[in-house]
Amino acid sequence: MRVTLALFIAAAALSSPPAAAEPPDIHVDVPNGAKGLEVYVRQRDIAAGEKVGWHIHHGTEIAYVLSGAVNVQIGGGPIRHLVKGDTFEVERDVPHRAYNDGTETASLLITYLKDKAGPLAIPVAGPAVR
């Protein structure tokens, strides 16, 4: 009976569809003595044509594009066109913006390691262009 059960399990494993690709595994070190910080996770949808103006967070932002496409600019860096499966990270208090110039909603899963006190996002002027 053990051999029959083992053969059945092996056959079932061989006939299973291949596993889906693993999502990225992103790690961020939490500073020692990180009192006053919290982890906040949310899904943020950016509609076609929507612009998220320049802003900062008093904390780190880590985002994963679940669907659609979005353009992101961090600091004075280049505009990055991100699609499903792409990620980006924004360090504490760095101005950044996003916009969706596509035809479908972009959906992002965002994790913040931020100060407990204060707002999630603070609007700011964009960085000076040199």
Protein backbone atom coordinates (compact mmCIF):
# COMPACT_ATOMS: atom_id res chain seq x y z
CA MET A 1 0.00 0.00 0.00
CA ARG A 2 2.87 2.41 0.76
CA VAL A 3 4.37 1.88 -2.70
CA THR A 4 1.02 2.46 -4.37
CA LEU A 5 0.44 5.65 -2.36
CA ALA A 6 3.98 6.86 -3.12
CA LEU A 7 3.48 6.22 -6.86
CA PHE A 8 0.13 8.04 -6.77
CA ILE A 9 1.71 11.09 -5.08
CA ALA A 10 4.63 11.09 -7.54
CA ALA A 11 2.26 10.84 -10.52
CA ALA A 12 0.12 13.66 -9.17
CA ALA A 13 3.19 15.84 -8.71
CA LEU A 14 4.38 15.19 -12.27
CA SER A 15 0.98 15.97 -13.75
CA SER A 16 0.55 19.26 -11.84
CA PRO A 17 0.83 22.46 -13.85
CA PRO A 18 4.13 24.32 -13.42
CA ALA A 19 4.29 26.73 -10.50
CA ALA A 20 3.78 30.41 -11.25
CA ALA A 21 6.84 32.64 -11.17
CA GLU A 22 7.70 33.80 -7.69
CA PRO A 23 7.10 37.50 -6.98
CA PRO A 24 10.13 39.59 -6.05
CA ASP A 25 11.36 39.23 -2.49
CA ILE A 26 12.14 42.74 -1.23
CA HIS A 27 13.77 43.39 2.13
CA VAL A 28 14.41 46.71 3.85
CA ASP A 29 16.39 46.95 7.08
CA VAL A 30 14.51 48.53 9.95
CA PRO A 31 16.85 50.77 11.92
CA ASN A 32 17.75 49.65 15.42
CA GLY A 33 15.59 51.42 17.97
CA ALA A 34 13.00 52.30 15.33
CA LYS A 35 10.56 53.59 17.91
CA GLY A 36 7.88 55.80 16.48
CA LEU A 37 7.80 54.00 13.11
CA GLU A 38 5.03 51.90 11.63
CA VAL A 39 4.56 49.69 8.58
CA TYR A 40 1.63 50.72 6.43
CA VAL A 41 0.54 48.66 3.40
CA ARG A 42 -2.04 49.73 0.83
CA GLN A 43 -3.16 49.17 -2.72
CA ARG A 44 -3.11 52.39 -4.73
CA ASP A 45 -4.89 52.61 -8.07
CA ILE A 46 -3.86 55.35 -10.50
CA ALA A 47 -6.52 55.87 -13.16
CA ALA A 48 -5.70 56.44 -16.82
CA GLY A 49 -4.70 60.10 -17.18
CA GLU A 50 -4.27 60.60 -13.41
CA LYS A 51 -1.26 62.50 -12.08
CA VAL A 52 0.07 62.12 -8.54
CA GLY A 53 1.95 65.35 -7.93
CA TRP A 54 5.30 65.82 -6.26
CA HIS A 55 5.23 64.68 -2.64
CA ILE A 56 7.35 63.16 0.12
CA HIS A 57 6.84 60.65 2.91
CA HIS A 58 8.49 60.77 6.31
CA GLY A 59 9.61 57.20 5.71
CA THR A 60 10.56 54.71 3.02
CA GLU A 61 8.14 53.70 0.24
CA ILE A 62 8.44 50.35 -1.55
CA ALA A 63 6.04 49.73 -4.44
CA TYR A 64 5.19 46.77 -6.67
CA VAL A 65 3.15 47.24 -9.86
CA LEU A 66 0.29 44.73 -9.74
CA SER A 67 -1.22 45.67 -13.11
CA GLY A 68 -1.16 48.33 -15.77
CA ALA A 69 1.71 50.77 -16.24
CA VAL A 70 2.83 53.92 -14.45
CA ASN A 71 5.55 56.53 -14.92
CA VAL A 72 7.57 57.39 -11.80
CA GLN A 73 10.15 60.10 -11.24
CA ILE A 74 12.21 60.12 -8.05
CA GLY A 75 14.08 63.29 -7.15
CA GLY A 76 15.68 64.82 -10.21
CA GLY A 77 16.18 61.39 -11.76
CA PRO A 78 14.83 60.10 -15.05
CA ILE A 79 11.19 59.19 -15.59
CA ARG A 80 10.87 55.41 -15.34
CA HIS A 81 8.08 53.57 -17.18
CA LEU A 82 7.07 50.67 -14.94
CA VAL A 83 4.80 47.76 -15.83
CA LYS A 84 3.32 44.76 -14.03
CA GLY A 85 5.98 43.06 -11.94
CA ASP A 86 8.29 46.10 -11.68
CA THR A 87 9.24 47.65 -8.36
CA PHE A 88 10.62 50.91 -7.07
CA GLU A 89 11.80 52.30 -3.75
CA VAL A 90 11.77 55.90 -2.53
CA GLU A 91 13.92 56.86 0.42
CA ARG A 92 12.75 59.04 3.28
CA ASP A 93 11.82 62.64 2.40
CA VAL A 94 12.83 62.35 -1.28
CA PRO A 95 10.40 64.18 -3.61
CA HIS A 96 8.75 61.94 -6.20
CA ARG A 97 5.76 61.83 -8.52
CA ALA A 98 3.82 59.37 -10.63
CA TYR A 99 1.44 59.55 -13.54
CA ASN A 100 -0.49 57.20 -15.75
CA ASP A 101 -0.50 58.21 -19.41
CA GLY A 102 -1.93 54.85 -20.47
CA THR A 103 -5.49 53.75 -21.20
CA GLU A 104 -6.03 51.44 -18.22
CA THR A 105 -5.79 51.83 -14.46
CA ALA A 106 -2.42 51.05 -12.90
CA SER A 107 -2.59 49.22 -9.59
CA LEU A 108 0.29 49.28 -7.12
CA LEU A 109 0.88 47.50 -3.85
CA ILE A 110 2.78 49.94 -1.64
CA THR A 111 4.48 49.38 1.70
CA TYR A 112 5.61 52.32 3.79
CA LEU A 113 7.93 52.28 6.78
CA LYS A 114 6.93 55.67 8.11
CA ASP A 115 6.69 57.85 11.16
CA LYS A 116 3.60 57.02 13.22
CA ALA A 117 2.88 60.68 13.80
CA GLY A 118 1.96 62.87 10.86
CA PRO A 119 0.38 62.42 7.44
CA LEU A 120 1.16 59.68 4.94
CA ALA A 121 2.10 62.09 2.14
CA ILE A 122 3.12 65.74 2.08
CA PRO A 123 2.83 67.76 -1.16
CA VAL A 124 6.05 69.54 -2.15
CA ALA A 125 7.47 71.50 -5.07
CA GLY A 126 9.34 69.43 -7.64
CA PRO A 127 13.13 69.37 -7.58
CA ALA A 128 14.94 72.12 -9.46
CA VAL A 129 15.99 71.19 -12.99
CA ARG A 130 19.68 71.86 -13.66
